[in-house]
Amino acid sequence: MKLISKRIILRDLTMKDAKSIAENAHDKSNWYYTESMPFPYSLEDAKKHIKNCIKKQKENPRKDYDFGIFLKSEKKIVGMISLFKVDRMHKKAGIGYWIGRKYRKQGLVSEAEKILLNFAFNKLKLNKIKGEAMVENKGSNALFKKFGFRKTGIFKEELIKKGKKKDAYHWELLKKNYKK
């Protein structure tokens, strides 16, 4: 599956993506701000993740959409964005993403999120997208605000990073409130 915009393509992963995923995921800040990404992040971690994604691509109906953020100009995966726990009965899903340090602050995640939200609301006919970000993750929290997500609360001591308990904001976006 592919979703295309001006600078990027969101697409299902293949084993050919392992090297670029490993290179871009191997960053302590990615581990720090995500819930399940390991650090250090190895080529083997990337291959294992891709195998899991390929397995999930075959589910019918599909419950997870794990897309590589493929930068057209460099012809490689520079990050990932996912819709997960897609619940077709209640028309909701979660969203999560990461991007390599070299590609931050270029609007690529914003572009990817716009594509994914359009896919979620218009193709999958979902009504609600939920997200989570550590309170100190200014970039992710700003991105949620940009697209019209509403902060629904704070989960105290939600994550443990570097031995410290971290709070996380929880966000939701209803289709009717989506700011394109």
Protein backbone atom coordinates (compact mmCIF):
# COMPACT_ATOMS: atom_id res chain seq x y z
CA MET A 1 0.00 0.00 0.00
CA LYS A 2 1.21 3.51 -0.87
CA LEU A 3 -0.02 6.97 0.08
CA ILE A 4 1.64 9.78 -1.88
CA SER A 5 2.23 13.50 -1.33
CA LYS A 6 4.58 16.10 -2.78
CA ARG A 7 7.81 15.08 -0.98
CA ILE A 8 7.06 11.72 0.55
CA ILE A 9 5.44 8.36 0.06
CA LEU A 10 3.98 6.43 2.96
CA ARG A 11 4.28 2.78 2.11
CA ASP A 12 4.35 -0.69 3.57
CA LEU A 13 7.80 -1.87 4.54
CA THR A 14 9.94 -4.44 2.73
CA MET A 15 13.15 -6.14 3.84
CA LYS A 16 15.04 -3.76 1.52
CA ASP A 17 14.22 -0.97 4.02
CA ALA A 18 16.09 -2.55 6.93
CA LYS A 19 19.35 -0.63 6.50
CA SER A 20 17.77 2.83 6.24
CA ILE A 21 15.38 2.10 9.12
CA ALA A 22 18.26 0.96 11.33
CA GLU A 23 20.34 4.03 10.44
CA ASN A 24 17.53 6.47 11.22
CA ALA A 25 16.07 4.68 14.24
CA HIS A 26 19.45 4.35 15.95
CA ASP A 27 19.13 7.59 17.90
CA LYS A 28 18.72 7.84 21.64
CA SER A 29 16.03 10.52 21.28
CA ASN A 30 13.87 8.12 19.24
CA TRP A 31 14.12 5.58 22.07
CA TYR A 32 13.47 8.28 24.66
CA TYR A 33 10.29 9.65 23.10
CA THR A 34 8.75 6.36 21.93
CA GLU A 35 7.19 3.69 24.05
CA SER A 36 8.65 0.53 22.53
CA MET A 37 11.70 1.36 20.40
CA PRO A 38 14.93 -0.20 21.68
CA PHE A 39 18.30 1.51 21.96
CA PRO A 40 20.74 0.78 20.56
CA TYR A 41 18.72 0.00 17.43
CA SER A 42 20.44 -2.56 15.22
CA LEU A 43 19.99 -3.92 11.72
CA GLU A 44 18.59 -7.07 13.35
CA ASP A 45 16.03 -4.96 15.23
CA ALA A 46 14.96 -3.43 11.91
CA LYS A 47 14.63 -6.84 10.23
CA LYS A 48 12.61 -8.20 13.14
CA HIS A 49 10.32 -5.16 13.05
CA ILE A 50 9.84 -5.42 9.28
CA LYS A 51 8.97 -9.14 9.54
CA ASN A 52 6.34 -8.28 12.14
CA CYS A 53 4.94 -5.50 9.94
CA ILE A 54 4.76 -7.79 6.89
CA LYS A 55 2.87 -10.34 8.97
CA LYS A 56 0.38 -7.66 10.09
CA GLN A 57 -0.07 -6.47 6.46
CA LYS A 58 -1.67 -9.85 5.68
CA GLU A 59 -4.38 -9.59 8.35
CA ASN A 60 -7.89 -9.21 7.05
CA PRO A 61 -9.24 -6.88 8.17
CA ARG A 62 -6.01 -5.09 8.84
CA LYS A 63 -5.61 -3.76 12.41
CA ASP A 64 -2.27 -1.98 11.98
CA TYR A 65 -0.88 0.21 9.22
CA ASP A 66 2.86 0.65 9.77
CA PHE A 67 4.15 2.89 7.00
CA GLY A 68 7.68 3.87 6.20
CA ILE A 69 8.09 7.58 5.51
CA PHE A 70 9.86 7.32 2.16
CA LEU A 71 11.62 10.52 1.15
CA LYS A 72 11.34 10.80 -2.64
CA SER A 73 14.48 12.93 -3.03
CA GLU A 74 16.69 10.40 -1.24
CA LYS A 75 14.80 7.24 -2.20
CA LYS A 76 14.85 5.80 1.31
CA ILE A 77 12.87 5.40 4.51
CA VAL A 78 13.64 8.21 6.98
CA GLY A 79 11.06 7.40 9.64
CA MET A 80 7.79 5.64 10.32
CA ILE A 81 4.19 6.55 11.02
CA SER A 82 1.52 4.12 12.11
CA LEU A 83 -2.18 3.71 12.65
CA PHE A 84 -2.54 0.94 15.20
CA LYS A 85 -5.32 -0.95 16.95
CA VAL A 86 -7.73 -0.01 14.17
CA ASP A 87 -11.19 -0.74 15.56
CA ARG A 88 -13.65 -0.74 12.68
CA MET A 89 -16.69 -1.34 14.89
CA HIS A 90 -16.07 1.74 17.02
CA LYS A 91 -14.29 3.62 14.19
CA LYS A 92 -11.11 4.52 16.08
CA ALA A 93 -7.35 3.94 16.06
CA GLY A 94 -4.11 5.15 17.62
CA ILE A 95 -1.34 7.07 15.88
CA GLY A 96 2.40 7.06 16.47
CA TYR A 97 5.55 8.07 14.60
CA TRP A 98 9.28 8.71 14.69
CA ILE A 99 11.76 10.26 12.27
CA GLY A 100 15.54 10.25 11.95
CA ARG A 101 17.35 13.18 13.57
CA LYS A 102 18.71 14.45 10.23
CA TYR A 103 15.16 14.82 8.88
CA ARG A 104 13.53 16.67 11.77
CA LYS A 105 12.16 20.22 11.58
CA GLN A 106 11.55 19.94 7.84
CA GLY A 107 7.79 19.37 8.02
CA LEU A 108 8.09 15.73 6.95
CA VAL A 109 6.22 14.29 9.94
CA SER A 110 3.54 16.95 9.52
CA GLU A 111 3.19 15.98 5.85
CA ALA A 112 3.07 12.29 6.79
CA GLU A 113 0.47 12.90 9.50
CA LYS A 114 -1.74 14.83 7.09
CA ILE A 115 -1.64 11.95 4.59
CA LEU A 116 -2.34 9.38 7.30
CA LEU A 117 -5.22 11.33 8.84
CA ASN A 118 -6.83 11.76 5.41
CA PHE A 119 -6.46 8.00 4.87
CA ALA A 120 -7.90 7.21 8.32
CA PHE A 121 -10.91 9.50 8.04
CA ASN A 122 -11.71 9.21 4.33
CA LYS A 123 -10.62 5.71 3.26
CA LEU A 124 -11.01 3.75 6.51
CA LYS A 125 -14.01 5.90 7.57
CA LEU A 126 -12.72 6.22 11.13
CA ASN A 127 -14.20 8.79 13.48
CA LYS A 128 -11.49 9.11 16.16
CA ILE A 129 -7.70 9.02 16.26
CA LYS A 130 -5.90 8.87 19.60
CA GLY A 131 -2.32 9.80 20.38
CA GLU A 132 0.07 10.04 23.29
CA ALA A 133 3.21 12.08 23.89
CA MET A 134 5.41 12.66 26.88
CA VAL A 135 4.72 16.06 28.42
CA GLU A 136 8.27 17.18 27.56
CA ASN A 137 7.95 16.15 23.89
CA LYS A 138 7.27 19.64 22.56
CA GLY A 139 7.40 18.62 18.89
CA SER A 140 4.79 15.87 19.09
CA ASN A 141 2.49 17.87 21.33
CA ALA A 142 2.68 20.83 18.93
CA LEU A 143 1.88 18.54 15.99
CA PHE A 144 -1.20 17.19 17.76
CA LYS A 145 -2.39 20.76 18.35
CA LYS A 146 -1.70 21.72 14.72
CA PHE A 147 -4.11 19.10 13.41
CA GLY A 148 -6.85 19.90 15.91
CA PHE A 149 -6.32 17.12 18.45
CA ARG A 150 -7.81 17.85 21.86
CA LYS A 151 -5.82 17.10 25.00
CA THR A 152 -7.94 14.66 26.99
CA GLY A 153 -5.75 14.31 30.02
CA ILE A 154 -2.41 13.57 31.53
CA PHE A 155 -1.37 10.08 32.53
CA LYS A 156 0.91 10.37 35.52
CA GLU A 157 4.08 8.24 35.51
CA GLU A 158 3.06 6.61 32.21
CA LEU A 159 6.58 5.79 31.03
CA ILE A 160 9.93 5.14 32.63
CA LYS A 161 12.91 6.62 30.79
CA LYS A 162 16.46 6.81 32.11
CA GLY A 163 15.12 5.46 35.39
CA LYS A 164 12.68 8.36 35.82
CA LYS A 165 8.87 8.26 35.72
CA LYS A 166 7.48 10.41 32.93
CA ASP A 167 4.00 11.87 32.47
CA ALA A 168 2.26 11.74 29.10
CA TYR A 169 -0.51 13.77 27.52
CA HIS A 170 -3.28 11.86 25.82
CA TRP A 171 -4.87 13.39 22.74
CA GLU A 172 -7.87 12.66 20.54
CA LEU A 173 -9.08 13.94 17.20
CA LEU A 174 -12.63 13.51 15.98
CA LYS A 175 -13.16 13.60 12.24
CA LYS A 176 -15.43 16.65 12.55
CA ASN A 177 -12.62 18.59 14.29
CA TYR A 178 -9.83 17.65 11.87
CA LYS A 179 -7.92 20.72 10.65
CA LYS A 180 -6.59 19.82 7.21
